Amino acid sequence: MKYRFIEVEGILGYDFPIIDFEIIDEGEYKGSNISHLSGLSGELVREIVENLEKLKRGELDYYDFGTEDSIFVDVGGKDCKNEYYRGKTIISKAFSDYEKEVPFEEIYTLMKDYLAEIEKWEKRTGMKKPGW
C-alpha cells in the first residue's frame, strides 16, 4: 500500500484545509475503504497508535478501531483469547461480506505516519485535527 499526506479544503464545510491521507496504490487493500480512516480525529489516531503499541509490547491481547459506517480493523495479539483473531489483523467493511487479513506492520505504520503528520499540522495551525 502506498499513500501520501495532503491538506484538503472544504471537508464537511470546514473553511480551512485539514490534513488527510490518500491511498495512491491500494494493492491488497483494494475495496477495503481504508482511506476512510483519514476521517478520524487526531485524538482518535493518537489513541489507536498508543493501543497498537501496547499490542506490540504484549500489554493488550485485542484491539479494534475504525469508522462508524465504513471500515473496521480488528487486531489480535499473539495471546488473544479469541482464537479467530489471535495473531491476525483483519479489515472488514460495514454492510458487506468484505473481510481481509493484512500485515499488522502495514496498518501500524500507516497510523503512526498519519499521527506524525497530524502532529505537524496541529503544531503549525494551532488547531486540533477534527474528525468527520
N, C-alpha and C. Protein backbone atom coordinates (compact mmCIF):
# COMPACT_ATOMS: atom_id res chain seq x y z
N MET A 1 0.85 -1.17 0.00
CA MET A 1 0.00 0.00 0.00
C MET A 1 0.90 1.23 0.00
N LYS A 2 0.58 2.13 -0.88
CA LYS A 2 1.30 3.40 -0.94
C LYS A 2 0.30 4.51 -0.65
N TYR A 3 0.74 5.49 0.13
CA TYR A 3 -0.14 6.59 0.50
C TYR A 3 0.66 7.88 0.56
N ARG A 4 -0.06 8.97 0.58
CA ARG A 4 0.58 10.27 0.75
C ARG A 4 -0.32 11.15 1.59
N PHE A 5 0.27 12.17 2.18
CA PHE A 5 -0.46 13.08 3.04
C PHE A 5 -0.71 14.37 2.29
N ILE A 6 -1.93 14.87 2.41
CA ILE A 6 -2.34 16.08 1.71
C ILE A 6 -3.20 16.92 2.65
N GLU A 7 -3.38 18.17 2.29
CA GLU A 7 -4.33 19.01 3.00
C GLU A 7 -5.50 19.24 2.06
N VAL A 8 -6.70 19.03 2.58
CA VAL A 8 -7.90 19.12 1.77
C VAL A 8 -8.79 20.23 2.32
N GLU A 9 -9.28 21.07 1.42
CA GLU A 9 -10.19 22.14 1.83
C GLU A 9 -11.63 21.73 1.59
N GLY A 10 -12.51 22.28 2.40
CA GLY A 10 -13.94 22.09 2.18
C GLY A 10 -14.51 20.79 2.70
N ILE A 11 -13.76 20.06 3.53
CA ILE A 11 -14.30 18.81 4.08
C ILE A 11 -15.40 19.17 5.08
N LEU A 12 -16.58 18.65 4.85
CA LEU A 12 -17.74 18.86 5.73
C LEU A 12 -17.96 20.32 6.10
N GLY A 13 -17.67 21.19 5.17
CA GLY A 13 -17.95 22.60 5.40
C GLY A 13 -16.88 23.37 6.16
N TYR A 14 -15.79 22.71 6.57
CA TYR A 14 -14.71 23.45 7.22
C TYR A 14 -14.13 24.43 6.20
N ASP A 15 -13.83 25.63 6.64
CA ASP A 15 -13.31 26.64 5.71
C ASP A 15 -11.80 26.77 5.79
N PHE A 16 -11.14 25.73 6.25
CA PHE A 16 -9.68 25.70 6.30
C PHE A 16 -9.22 24.31 5.88
N PRO A 17 -8.00 24.21 5.35
CA PRO A 17 -7.50 22.90 4.92
C PRO A 17 -7.21 22.00 6.12
N ILE A 18 -7.54 20.73 5.97
CA ILE A 18 -7.34 19.74 7.02
C ILE A 18 -6.43 18.64 6.50
N ILE A 19 -5.52 18.19 7.36
CA ILE A 19 -4.60 17.10 6.99
C ILE A 19 -5.42 15.84 6.70
N ASP A 20 -4.99 15.12 5.70
CA ASP A 20 -5.71 13.94 5.23
C ASP A 20 -4.68 13.00 4.61
N PHE A 21 -5.05 11.79 4.33
CA PHE A 21 -4.18 10.95 3.52
C PHE A 21 -5.00 10.33 2.41
N GLU A 22 -4.31 10.02 1.34
CA GLU A 22 -4.97 9.32 0.25
C GLU A 22 -4.12 8.13 -0.14
N ILE A 23 -4.79 7.09 -0.54
CA ILE A 23 -4.11 5.88 -0.95
C ILE A 23 -3.76 6.03 -2.43
N ILE A 24 -2.49 5.92 -2.74
CA ILE A 24 -2.03 6.04 -4.13
C ILE A 24 -2.14 4.69 -4.83
N ASP A 25 -1.72 3.65 -4.13
CA ASP A 25 -1.78 2.29 -4.68
C ASP A 25 -2.34 1.39 -3.59
N GLU A 26 -3.60 0.98 -3.74
CA GLU A 26 -4.25 0.19 -2.71
C GLU A 26 -3.66 -1.21 -2.57
N GLY A 27 -3.11 -1.75 -3.64
CA GLY A 27 -2.55 -3.10 -3.57
C GLY A 27 -3.57 -4.06 -3.01
N GLU A 28 -3.18 -4.78 -1.97
CA GLU A 28 -4.06 -5.79 -1.38
C GLU A 28 -5.24 -5.18 -0.62
N TYR A 29 -5.26 -3.85 -0.48
CA TYR A 29 -6.34 -3.18 0.25
C TYR A 29 -7.47 -2.71 -0.67
N LYS A 30 -7.39 -3.06 -1.95
CA LYS A 30 -8.40 -2.62 -2.91
C LYS A 30 -9.80 -3.01 -2.43
N GLY A 31 -10.68 -2.03 -2.41
CA GLY A 31 -12.06 -2.27 -1.99
C GLY A 31 -12.28 -2.25 -0.49
N SER A 32 -11.26 -1.92 0.29
CA SER A 32 -11.38 -2.01 1.75
C SER A 32 -11.90 -0.75 2.42
N ASN A 33 -11.97 0.36 1.71
CA ASN A 33 -12.34 1.65 2.31
C ASN A 33 -11.30 2.14 3.32
N ILE A 34 -10.07 1.67 3.22
CA ILE A 34 -9.06 2.04 4.20
C ILE A 34 -8.82 3.55 4.25
N SER A 35 -9.04 4.23 3.14
CA SER A 35 -8.84 5.69 3.13
C SER A 35 -9.81 6.40 4.06
N HIS A 36 -10.90 5.75 4.45
CA HIS A 36 -11.86 6.37 5.36
C HIS A 36 -11.26 6.58 6.75
N LEU A 37 -10.17 5.88 7.07
CA LEU A 37 -9.51 6.10 8.36
C LEU A 37 -8.94 7.52 8.46
N SER A 38 -8.76 8.18 7.32
CA SER A 38 -8.24 9.55 7.34
C SER A 38 -9.24 10.52 7.97
N GLY A 39 -10.49 10.11 8.10
CA GLY A 39 -11.51 10.96 8.70
C GLY A 39 -11.54 10.92 10.22
N LEU A 40 -10.67 10.12 10.82
CA LEU A 40 -10.63 10.07 12.29
C LEU A 40 -10.00 11.33 12.85
N SER A 41 -10.43 11.72 14.03
CA SER A 41 -9.85 12.90 14.67
C SER A 41 -8.41 12.60 15.10
N GLY A 42 -7.66 13.66 15.31
CA GLY A 42 -6.29 13.50 15.78
C GLY A 42 -6.24 12.75 17.11
N GLU A 43 -7.20 13.04 17.97
CA GLU A 43 -7.24 12.38 19.28
C GLU A 43 -7.45 10.87 19.13
N LEU A 44 -8.33 10.48 18.22
CA LEU A 44 -8.56 9.04 17.99
C LEU A 44 -7.33 8.37 17.38
N VAL A 45 -6.67 9.05 16.46
CA VAL A 45 -5.47 8.47 15.86
C VAL A 45 -4.39 8.27 16.93
N ARG A 46 -4.25 9.23 17.85
CA ARG A 46 -3.30 9.07 18.96
C ARG A 46 -3.64 7.83 19.79
N GLU A 47 -4.91 7.69 20.11
CA GLU A 47 -5.36 6.54 20.90
C GLU A 47 -5.08 5.23 20.17
N ILE A 48 -5.34 5.20 18.87
CA ILE A 48 -5.11 4.00 18.07
C ILE A 48 -3.64 3.62 18.10
N VAL A 49 -2.76 4.59 17.85
CA VAL A 49 -1.32 4.30 17.83
C VAL A 49 -0.86 3.81 19.20
N GLU A 50 -1.32 4.45 20.26
CA GLU A 50 -0.95 4.01 21.61
C GLU A 50 -1.37 2.56 21.85
N ASN A 51 -2.58 2.21 21.44
CA ASN A 51 -3.06 0.85 21.66
C ASN A 51 -2.37 -0.17 20.76
N LEU A 52 -2.04 0.22 19.54
CA LEU A 52 -1.29 -0.70 18.67
C LEU A 52 0.10 -0.95 19.25
N GLU A 53 0.69 0.08 19.85
CA GLU A 53 1.99 -0.10 20.50
C GLU A 53 1.87 -1.01 21.72
N LYS A 54 0.78 -0.90 22.46
CA LYS A 54 0.55 -1.81 23.60
C LYS A 54 0.41 -3.25 23.10
N LEU A 55 -0.25 -3.43 21.97
CA LEU A 55 -0.36 -4.77 21.38
C LEU A 55 1.02 -5.32 21.04
N LYS A 56 1.85 -4.48 20.45
CA LYS A 56 3.21 -4.91 20.08
C LYS A 56 4.01 -5.34 21.30
N ARG A 57 3.80 -4.64 22.42
CA ARG A 57 4.54 -4.95 23.65
C ARG A 57 3.89 -6.09 24.44
N GLY A 58 2.73 -6.56 23.99
CA GLY A 58 2.05 -7.64 24.70
C GLY A 58 1.21 -7.17 25.88
N GLU A 59 0.95 -5.87 25.98
CA GLU A 59 0.16 -5.32 27.08
C GLU A 59 -1.34 -5.41 26.82
N LEU A 60 -1.72 -5.61 25.58
CA LEU A 60 -3.11 -5.83 25.18
C LEU A 60 -3.16 -7.12 24.38
N ASP A 61 -4.29 -7.82 24.44
CA ASP A 61 -4.38 -9.02 23.60
C ASP A 61 -5.33 -8.83 22.42
N TYR A 62 -6.10 -7.71 22.42
CA TYR A 62 -7.02 -7.45 21.31
C TYR A 62 -7.34 -5.96 21.29
N TYR A 63 -7.50 -5.42 20.09
CA TYR A 63 -7.91 -4.03 19.94
C TYR A 63 -8.63 -3.89 18.61
N ASP A 64 -9.67 -3.07 18.59
CA ASP A 64 -10.34 -2.79 17.31
C ASP A 64 -10.58 -1.30 17.19
N PHE A 65 -10.63 -0.84 15.95
CA PHE A 65 -10.89 0.56 15.67
C PHE A 65 -11.44 0.68 14.27
N GLY A 66 -11.89 1.87 13.93
CA GLY A 66 -12.42 2.11 12.59
C GLY A 66 -13.36 3.29 12.59
N THR A 67 -14.20 3.32 11.58
CA THR A 67 -15.19 4.37 11.46
C THR A 67 -16.57 3.74 11.65
N GLU A 68 -17.52 4.55 12.02
CA GLU A 68 -18.85 4.02 12.35
C GLU A 68 -19.51 3.27 11.21
N ASP A 69 -19.29 3.72 10.00
CA ASP A 69 -20.11 3.18 8.92
C ASP A 69 -19.34 2.68 7.70
N SER A 70 -18.01 2.51 7.81
CA SER A 70 -17.35 2.07 6.59
C SER A 70 -16.25 1.04 6.76
N ILE A 71 -15.37 1.17 7.74
CA ILE A 71 -14.25 0.23 7.86
C ILE A 71 -13.97 -0.08 9.32
N PHE A 72 -13.63 -1.33 9.56
CA PHE A 72 -13.29 -1.79 10.90
C PHE A 72 -11.97 -2.55 10.82
N VAL A 73 -11.13 -2.36 11.82
CA VAL A 73 -9.86 -3.08 11.88
C VAL A 73 -9.82 -3.80 13.23
N ASP A 74 -9.69 -5.11 13.18
CA ASP A 74 -9.58 -5.94 14.38
C ASP A 74 -8.16 -6.47 14.45
N VAL A 75 -7.52 -6.29 15.61
CA VAL A 75 -6.14 -6.74 15.76
C VAL A 75 -6.05 -7.63 17.00
N GLY A 76 -5.62 -8.85 16.78
CA GLY A 76 -5.45 -9.79 17.89
C GLY A 76 -3.98 -10.02 18.16
N GLY A 77 -3.61 -9.90 19.42
CA GLY A 77 -2.23 -10.19 19.81
C GLY A 77 -1.97 -11.69 19.80
N LYS A 78 -0.72 -12.05 20.04
CA LYS A 78 -0.36 -13.47 19.99
C LYS A 78 -1.05 -14.28 21.09
N ASP A 79 -1.51 -13.61 22.14
CA ASP A 79 -2.20 -14.30 23.23
C ASP A 79 -3.69 -13.98 23.28
N CYS A 80 -4.23 -13.52 22.18
CA CYS A 80 -5.65 -13.15 22.12
C CYS A 80 -6.52 -14.34 22.54
N LYS A 81 -7.48 -14.08 23.41
CA LYS A 81 -8.37 -15.14 23.88
C LYS A 81 -9.28 -15.66 22.77
N ASN A 82 -9.62 -14.79 21.83
CA ASN A 82 -10.46 -15.20 20.70
C ASN A 82 -9.55 -15.80 19.63
N GLU A 83 -9.65 -17.09 19.45
CA GLU A 83 -8.76 -17.79 18.52
C GLU A 83 -8.84 -17.25 17.10
N TYR A 84 -10.02 -16.79 16.69
CA TYR A 84 -10.19 -16.29 15.32
C TYR A 84 -9.26 -15.10 15.05
N TYR A 85 -9.08 -14.23 16.05
CA TYR A 85 -8.26 -13.02 15.86
C TYR A 85 -6.81 -13.19 16.33
N ARG A 86 -6.48 -14.29 16.96
CA ARG A 86 -5.15 -14.47 17.53
C ARG A 86 -4.06 -14.29 16.47
N GLY A 87 -3.21 -13.28 16.70
CA GLY A 87 -2.09 -13.03 15.80
C GLY A 87 -2.46 -12.48 14.44
N LYS A 88 -3.69 -11.97 14.30
CA LYS A 88 -4.15 -11.50 13.00
C LYS A 88 -4.57 -10.04 13.05
N THR A 89 -4.50 -9.40 11.90
CA THR A 89 -5.06 -8.07 11.70
C THR A 89 -6.05 -8.22 10.54
N ILE A 90 -7.31 -7.94 10.83
CA ILE A 90 -8.36 -8.17 9.83
C ILE A 90 -9.13 -6.88 9.59
N ILE A 91 -9.26 -6.54 8.32
CA ILE A 91 -10.05 -5.38 7.90
C ILE A 91 -11.39 -5.89 7.40
N SER A 92 -12.45 -5.24 7.82
CA SER A 92 -13.78 -5.57 7.30
C SER A 92 -14.53 -4.28 7.02
N LYS A 93 -15.56 -4.41 6.20
CA LYS A 93 -16.37 -3.26 5.82
C LYS A 93 -17.77 -3.41 6.39
N ALA A 94 -18.35 -2.29 6.75
CA ALA A 94 -19.73 -2.29 7.23
C ALA A 94 -20.67 -2.66 6.08
N PHE A 95 -21.73 -3.33 6.42
CA PHE A 95 -22.78 -3.67 5.45
C PHE A 95 -22.24 -4.44 4.25
N SER A 96 -21.26 -5.31 4.49
CA SER A 96 -20.62 -6.04 3.41
C SER A 96 -20.02 -7.33 3.95
N ASP A 97 -19.78 -8.27 3.06
CA ASP A 97 -19.09 -9.51 3.44
C ASP A 97 -17.58 -9.36 3.33
N TYR A 98 -17.10 -8.18 2.95
CA TYR A 98 -15.67 -7.96 2.75
C TYR A 98 -14.91 -8.20 4.06
N GLU A 99 -13.88 -9.01 3.99
CA GLU A 99 -13.00 -9.25 5.13
C GLU A 99 -11.66 -9.69 4.57
N LYS A 100 -10.59 -9.11 5.09
CA LYS A 100 -9.26 -9.42 4.57
C LYS A 100 -8.24 -9.36 5.69
N GLU A 101 -7.40 -10.38 5.77
CA GLU A 101 -6.30 -10.36 6.72
C GLU A 101 -5.14 -9.59 6.07
N VAL A 102 -4.55 -8.69 6.83
CA VAL A 102 -3.47 -7.84 6.32
C VAL A 102 -2.32 -7.82 7.33
N PRO A 103 -1.13 -7.44 6.90
CA PRO A 103 0.00 -7.38 7.84
C PRO A 103 -0.19 -6.28 8.89
N PHE A 104 0.00 -6.64 10.15
CA PHE A 104 -0.10 -5.68 11.25
C PHE A 104 0.80 -4.48 11.01
N GLU A 105 2.04 -4.73 10.61
CA GLU A 105 3.01 -3.64 10.47
C GLU A 105 2.56 -2.59 9.46
N GLU A 106 1.83 -2.99 8.42
CA GLU A 106 1.37 -2.01 7.43
C GLU A 106 0.33 -1.07 8.03
N ILE A 107 -0.60 -1.62 8.78
CA ILE A 107 -1.62 -0.79 9.43
C ILE A 107 -0.98 0.08 10.50
N TYR A 108 -0.11 -0.51 11.29
CA TYR A 108 0.58 0.23 12.35
C TYR A 108 1.40 1.38 11.75
N THR A 109 2.14 1.11 10.69
CA THR A 109 2.97 2.15 10.07
C THR A 109 2.11 3.27 9.49
N LEU A 110 1.02 2.92 8.82
CA LEU A 110 0.12 3.94 8.27
C LEU A 110 -0.39 4.85 9.39
N MET A 111 -0.87 4.27 10.47
CA MET A 111 -1.43 5.07 11.55
C MET A 111 -0.35 5.88 12.26
N LYS A 112 0.82 5.31 12.44
CA LYS A 112 1.93 6.03 13.09
C LYS A 112 2.39 7.20 12.21
N ASP A 113 2.52 6.96 10.90
CA ASP A 113 2.91 8.03 9.98
C ASP A 113 1.85 9.12 9.94
N TYR A 114 0.58 8.71 9.94
CA TYR A 114 -0.51 9.69 9.91
C TYR A 114 -0.49 10.54 11.18
N LEU A 115 -0.25 9.91 12.32
CA LEU A 115 -0.17 10.67 13.57
C LEU A 115 0.95 11.70 13.51
N ALA A 116 2.09 11.33 12.96
CA ALA A 116 3.21 12.28 12.84
C ALA A 116 2.80 13.48 11.99
N GLU A 117 2.08 13.23 10.90
CA GLU A 117 1.62 14.33 10.04
C GLU A 117 0.57 15.19 10.74
N ILE A 118 -0.32 14.54 11.48
CA ILE A 118 -1.34 15.28 12.24
C ILE A 118 -0.66 16.20 13.25
N GLU A 119 0.34 15.67 13.95
CA GLU A 119 1.03 16.48 14.96
C GLU A 119 1.73 17.68 14.34
N LYS A 120 2.33 17.50 13.17
CA LYS A 120 2.95 18.63 12.46
C LYS A 120 1.88 19.66 12.09
N TRP A 121 0.76 19.17 11.56
CA TRP A 121 -0.33 20.06 11.15
C TRP A 121 -0.88 20.82 12.35
N GLU A 122 -1.10 20.11 13.47
CA GLU A 122 -1.64 20.76 14.67
C GLU A 122 -0.67 21.81 15.22
N LYS A 123 0.60 21.51 15.20
CA LYS A 123 1.60 22.47 15.69
C LYS A 123 1.63 23.71 14.79
N ARG A 124 1.58 23.49 13.49
CA ARG A 124 1.64 24.60 12.53
C ARG A 124 0.39 25.47 12.58
N THR A 125 -0.78 24.85 12.74
CA THR A 125 -2.04 25.60 12.69
C THR A 125 -2.55 26.05 14.05
N GLY A 126 -2.08 25.41 15.11
CA GLY A 126 -2.60 25.71 16.44
C GLY A 126 -3.99 25.13 16.68
N MET A 127 -4.43 24.24 15.80
CA MET A 127 -5.76 23.62 15.92
C MET A 127 -5.61 22.12 16.18
N LYS A 128 -6.69 21.52 16.65
CA LYS A 128 -6.77 20.07 16.79
C LYS A 128 -7.43 19.52 15.53
N LYS A 129 -6.89 18.42 15.01
CA LYS A 129 -7.47 17.84 13.80
C LYS A 129 -8.86 17.28 14.12
N PRO A 130 -9.88 17.79 13.44
CA PRO A 130 -11.23 17.28 13.68
C PRO A 130 -11.46 15.96 12.95
N GLY A 131 -12.44 15.24 13.38
CA GLY A 131 -12.87 14.03 12.67
C GLY A 131 -14.12 14.35 11.87
N TRP A 132 -14.43 13.49 10.95
CA TRP A 132 -15.66 13.66 10.17
C TRP A 132 -16.25 12.32 9.83
